[in-house]
Amino acid sequence: MRLRSNARLSFSIALAMVSSCTAAGDSGSSSECRTVPCKAATLDQGTYVAPDDPVIFEYQQAFEALQKNCSDSEERLADMAVVSQQQMQERGVTESLLSILEAVDASIPARLSQKTCADIFASYVVLRTASPN
C-alpha cells in the first residue's frame, strides 16, 4: 500500500527537480523536456536529457509496452517506477527507472487483462530486495 500512497508525491518532487535541472541546463532553447519518457530519462541520467536524444526512445518504448497491459497513465507508471526505485535503494539495490519499467513489463503474463499495475511494481520491489536465505 505504501507504493500507492507515496507515488504521486514522489514523482511530483522528482519532476520538480527535473524542472529546475532543465531550467539551469536550458540555454534559452525552446526544446524543453516535457514528456514523461524525457523526464524519466533525465532522472535516470542525473542530468538534463534533450527531448531529441535517442535514449528517450527506449523510455518511450518501455512506457508503450507497459500501457498495453496496464490501465495506468504514463505519469502513474513513472510514479510507481520512481517509488520502486527509491524503495529498492533504501534496501541497497540500485536499478535504473528504465530497467524497472522493462522488468515489470516482462513480468506481466500475456493472458492478464489490462489492469492497474501497482501490485506488480510492489511485487517486483519485494522480489528484488528479498534477502537470500
C-alpha atoms as a PDB file:
ATOM      1  CA  MET A   1       0.000   0.000   0.000  1.00  0.00           C
ATOM      2  CA  ARG A   2       2.887   2.361   0.658  1.00  0.00           C
ATOM      3  CA  LEU A   3       3.713   2.278  -3.046  1.00  0.00           C
ATOM      4  CA  ARG A   4       0.279   3.661  -3.907  1.00  0.00           C
ATOM      5  CA  SER A   5       0.144   6.446  -1.323  1.00  0.00           C
ATOM      6  CA  ASN A   6       3.623   7.849  -1.940  1.00  0.00           C
ATOM      7  CA  ALA A   7       3.788   7.527  -5.708  1.00  0.00           C
ATOM      8  CA  ARG A   8       2.128  10.792  -6.756  1.00  0.00           C
ATOM      9  CA  LEU A   9       4.140  12.866  -4.309  1.00  0.00           C
ATOM     10  CA  SER A  10       7.453  11.224  -5.184  1.00  0.00           C
ATOM     11  CA  PHE A  11       7.188  11.689  -8.937  1.00  0.00           C
ATOM     12  CA  SER A  12       5.959  15.252  -8.416  1.00  0.00           C
ATOM     13  CA  ILE A  13       9.050  16.005  -6.337  1.00  0.00           C
ATOM     14  CA  ALA A  14      11.267  14.308  -8.888  1.00  0.00           C
ATOM     15  CA  LEU A  15       9.637  16.279 -11.702  1.00  0.00           C
ATOM     16  CA  ALA A  16      10.251  19.497  -9.796  1.00  0.00           C
ATOM     17  CA  MET A  17      13.933  18.576  -9.577  1.00  0.00           C
ATOM     18  CA  VAL A  18      13.956  17.829 -13.315  1.00  0.00           C
ATOM     19  CA  SER A  19      12.299  21.178 -13.995  1.00  0.00           C
ATOM     20  CA  SER A  20      14.959  23.051 -12.064  1.00  0.00           C
ATOM     21  CA  CYS A  21      17.645  20.990 -13.811  1.00  0.00           C
ATOM     22  CA  THR A  22      16.044  21.818 -17.154  1.00  0.00           C
ATOM     23  CA  ALA A  23      15.909  25.500 -16.338  1.00  0.00           C
ATOM     24  CA  ALA A  24      19.560  25.502 -15.323  1.00  0.00           C
ATOM     25  CA  GLY A  25      20.682  23.471 -18.321  1.00  0.00           C
ATOM     26  CA  ASP A  26      18.496  25.150 -20.952  1.00  0.00           C
ATOM     27  CA  SER A  27      20.270  27.986 -22.686  1.00  0.00           C
ATOM     28  CA  GLY A  28      17.170  29.754 -23.963  1.00  0.00           C
ATOM     29  CA  SER A  29      16.231  26.887 -26.239  1.00  0.00           C
ATOM     30  CA  SER A  30      12.566  26.210 -26.843  1.00  0.00           C
ATOM     31  CA  SER A  31      13.187  22.475 -26.594  1.00  0.00           C
ATOM     32  CA  GLU A  32      12.220  21.562 -23.056  1.00  0.00           C
ATOM     33  CA  CYS A  33      11.899  18.131 -21.579  1.00  0.00           C
ATOM     34  CA  ARG A  34       8.094  17.922 -21.292  1.00  0.00           C
ATOM     35  CA  THR A  35       7.187  14.280 -21.910  1.00  0.00           C
ATOM     36  CA  VAL A  36       7.172  11.624 -19.212  1.00  0.00           C
ATOM     37  CA  PRO A  37       9.755   9.491 -21.067  1.00  0.00           C
ATOM     38  CA  CYS A  38      12.066  12.510 -21.380  1.00  0.00           C
ATOM     39  CA  LYS A  39      11.687  13.335 -17.692  1.00  0.00           C
ATOM     40  CA  ALA A  40      12.287   9.705 -16.690  1.00  0.00           C
ATOM     41  CA  ALA A  41      15.439   9.645 -18.822  1.00  0.00           C
ATOM     42  CA  THR A  42      16.606  12.875 -17.198  1.00  0.00           C
ATOM     43  CA  LEU A  43      16.055  11.403 -13.733  1.00  0.00           C
ATOM     44  CA  ASP A  44      17.990   8.256 -14.669  1.00  0.00           C
ATOM     45  CA  GLN A  45      20.868  10.157 -16.268  1.00  0.00           C
ATOM     46  CA  GLY A  46      21.099  12.617 -13.379  1.00  0.00           C
ATOM     47  CA  THR A  47      21.437  15.445 -15.860  1.00  0.00           C
ATOM     48  CA  TYR A  48      19.346  17.173 -18.488  1.00  0.00           C
ATOM     49  CA  VAL A  49      18.457  14.989 -21.476  1.00  0.00           C
ATOM     50  CA  ALA A  50      17.412  16.851 -24.614  1.00  0.00           C
ATOM     51  CA  PRO A  51      13.980  15.946 -25.999  1.00  0.00           C
ATOM     52  CA  ASP A  52      15.559  14.711 -29.238  1.00  0.00           C
ATOM     53  CA  ASP A  53      18.128  12.474 -27.519  1.00  0.00           C
ATOM     54  CA  PRO A  54      17.845   8.907 -28.893  1.00  0.00           C
ATOM     55  CA  VAL A  55      17.835   7.449 -25.353  1.00  0.00           C
ATOM     56  CA  ILE A  56      14.320   8.829 -24.859  1.00  0.00           C
ATOM     57  CA  PHE A  57      13.058   6.383 -27.492  1.00  0.00           C
ATOM     58  CA  GLU A  58      13.987   3.498 -25.157  1.00  0.00           C
ATOM     59  CA  TYR A  59      11.877   5.017 -22.361  1.00  0.00           C
ATOM     60  CA  GLN A  60       9.007   5.696 -24.769  1.00  0.00           C
ATOM     61  CA  GLN A  61       9.083   2.044 -25.868  1.00  0.00           C
ATOM     62  CA  ALA A  62       9.035   0.880 -22.234  1.00  0.00           C
ATOM     63  CA  PHE A  63       6.042   3.065 -21.397  1.00  0.00           C
ATOM     64  CA  GLU A  64       4.175   1.982 -24.539  1.00  0.00           C
ATOM     65  CA  ALA A  65       4.805  -1.683 -23.778  1.00  0.00           C
ATOM     66  CA  LEU A  66       3.532  -1.291 -20.214  1.00  0.00           C
ATOM     67  CA  GLN A  67       0.446   0.591 -21.325  1.00  0.00           C
ATOM     68  CA  LYS A  68      -0.593  -2.423 -23.411  1.00  0.00           C
ATOM     69  CA  ASN A  69      -1.042  -4.374 -20.166  1.00  0.00           C
ATOM     70  CA  CYS A  70      -1.573  -1.654 -17.571  1.00  0.00           C
ATOM     71  CA  SER A  71      -4.525   0.700 -17.378  1.00  0.00           C
ATOM     72  CA  ASP A  72      -2.296   3.306 -15.714  1.00  0.00           C
ATOM     73  CA  SER A  73      -1.235   6.540 -17.416  1.00  0.00           C
ATOM     74  CA  GLU A  74       2.406   7.176 -18.338  1.00  0.00           C
ATOM     75  CA  GLU A  75       2.708   9.542 -15.397  1.00  0.00           C
ATOM     76  CA  ARG A  76       1.263   6.975 -12.993  1.00  0.00           C
ATOM     77  CA  LEU A  77       3.631   4.301 -14.324  1.00  0.00           C
ATOM     78  CA  ALA A  78       6.524   6.732 -13.829  1.00  0.00           C
ATOM     79  CA  ASP A  79       5.259   7.449 -10.299  1.00  0.00           C
ATOM     80  CA  MET A  80       5.354   3.764  -9.480  1.00  0.00           C
ATOM     81  CA  ALA A  81       8.792   3.290 -11.060  1.00  0.00           C
ATOM     82  CA  VAL A  82      10.266   6.196  -9.067  1.00  0.00           C
ATOM     83  CA  VAL A  83       8.832   4.925  -5.778  1.00  0.00           C
ATOM     84  CA  SER A  84      10.014   1.387  -6.597  1.00  0.00           C
ATOM     85  CA  GLN A  85      13.493   2.710  -7.304  1.00  0.00           C
ATOM     86  CA  GLN A  86      13.533   4.646  -4.016  1.00  0.00           C
ATOM     87  CA  GLN A  87      12.347   1.661  -2.001  1.00  0.00           C
ATOM     88  CA  MET A  88      14.932  -0.599  -3.604  1.00  0.00           C
ATOM     89  CA  GLN A  89      17.705   1.938  -2.956  1.00  0.00           C
ATOM     90  CA  GLU A  90      16.669   2.050   0.714  1.00  0.00           C
ATOM     91  CA  ARG A  91      17.322  -1.708   0.768  1.00  0.00           C
ATOM     92  CA  GLY A  92      20.658  -1.489  -1.038  1.00  0.00           C
ATOM     93  CA  VAL A  93      19.506  -2.356  -4.571  1.00  0.00           C
ATOM     94  CA  THR A  94      20.340   0.129  -7.325  1.00  0.00           C
ATOM     95  CA  GLU A  95      18.400  -0.089 -10.569  1.00  0.00           C
ATOM     96  CA  SER A  96      17.528   2.416 -13.284  1.00  0.00           C
ATOM     97  CA  LEU A  97      13.974   3.515 -13.969  1.00  0.00           C
ATOM     98  CA  LEU A  98      14.258   2.069 -17.465  1.00  0.00           C
ATOM     99  CA  SER A  99      15.320  -1.300 -16.098  1.00  0.00           C
ATOM    100  CA  ILE A 100      12.431  -1.293 -13.623  1.00  0.00           C
ATOM    101  CA  LEU A 101       9.905  -0.417 -16.341  1.00  0.00           C
ATOM    102  CA  GLU A 102      11.238  -3.145 -18.642  1.00  0.00           C
ATOM    103  CA  ALA A 103      11.385  -5.770 -15.885  1.00  0.00           C
ATOM    104  CA  VAL A 104       7.859  -5.050 -14.696  1.00  0.00           C
ATOM    105  CA  ASP A 105       6.606  -5.290 -18.274  1.00  0.00           C
ATOM    106  CA  ALA A 106       8.423  -8.596 -18.787  1.00  0.00           C
ATOM    107  CA  SER A 107       6.844  -9.991 -15.631  1.00  0.00           C
ATOM    108  CA  ILE A 108       3.258  -9.422 -16.777  1.00  0.00           C
ATOM    109  CA  PRO A 109       1.692 -12.608 -18.149  1.00  0.00           C
ATOM    110  CA  ALA A 110       0.275 -12.259 -21.678  1.00  0.00           C
ATOM    111  CA  ARG A 111      -3.078 -13.640 -20.553  1.00  0.00           C
ATOM    112  CA  LEU A 112      -3.537 -10.911 -17.938  1.00  0.00           C
ATOM    113  CA  SER A 113      -6.206  -8.398 -18.899  1.00  0.00           C
ATOM    114  CA  GLN A 114      -5.409  -4.714 -18.643  1.00  0.00           C
ATOM    115  CA  LYS A 115      -5.471  -3.510 -15.035  1.00  0.00           C
ATOM    116  CA  THR A 116      -3.604  -1.195 -12.722  1.00  0.00           C
ATOM    117  CA  CYS A 117      -0.023  -2.344 -12.286  1.00  0.00           C
ATOM    118  CA  ALA A 118       0.624  -1.066  -8.740  1.00  0.00           C
ATOM    119  CA  ASP A 119       0.660  -4.582  -7.308  1.00  0.00           C
ATOM    120  CA  ILE A 120       3.113  -5.725  -9.972  1.00  0.00           C
ATOM    121  CA  PHE A 121       5.525  -2.886  -9.163  1.00  0.00           C
ATOM    122  CA  ALA A 122       5.189  -3.662  -5.444  1.00  0.00           C
ATOM    123  CA  SER A 123       5.835  -7.367  -6.075  1.00  0.00           C
ATOM    124  CA  TYR A 124       8.893  -6.515  -8.151  1.00  0.00           C
ATOM    125  CA  VAL A 125      10.349  -4.474  -5.285  1.00  0.00           C
ATOM    126  CA  VAL A 126       9.739  -7.317  -2.835  1.00  0.00           C
ATOM    127  CA  LEU A 127      11.367  -9.871  -5.129  1.00  0.00           C
ATOM    128  CA  ARG A 128      14.389  -7.676  -5.922  1.00  0.00           C
ATOM    129  CA  THR A 129      15.034  -6.778  -2.295  1.00  0.00           C
ATOM    130  CA  ALA A 130      14.294 -10.119  -0.620  1.00  0.00           C
ATOM    131  CA  SER A 131      17.145 -11.411   1.498  1.00  0.00           C
ATOM    132  CA  PRO A 132      18.630 -14.642   0.153  1.00  0.00           C
ATOM    133  CA  ASN A 133      18.255 -17.308   2.841  1.00  0.00           C
END
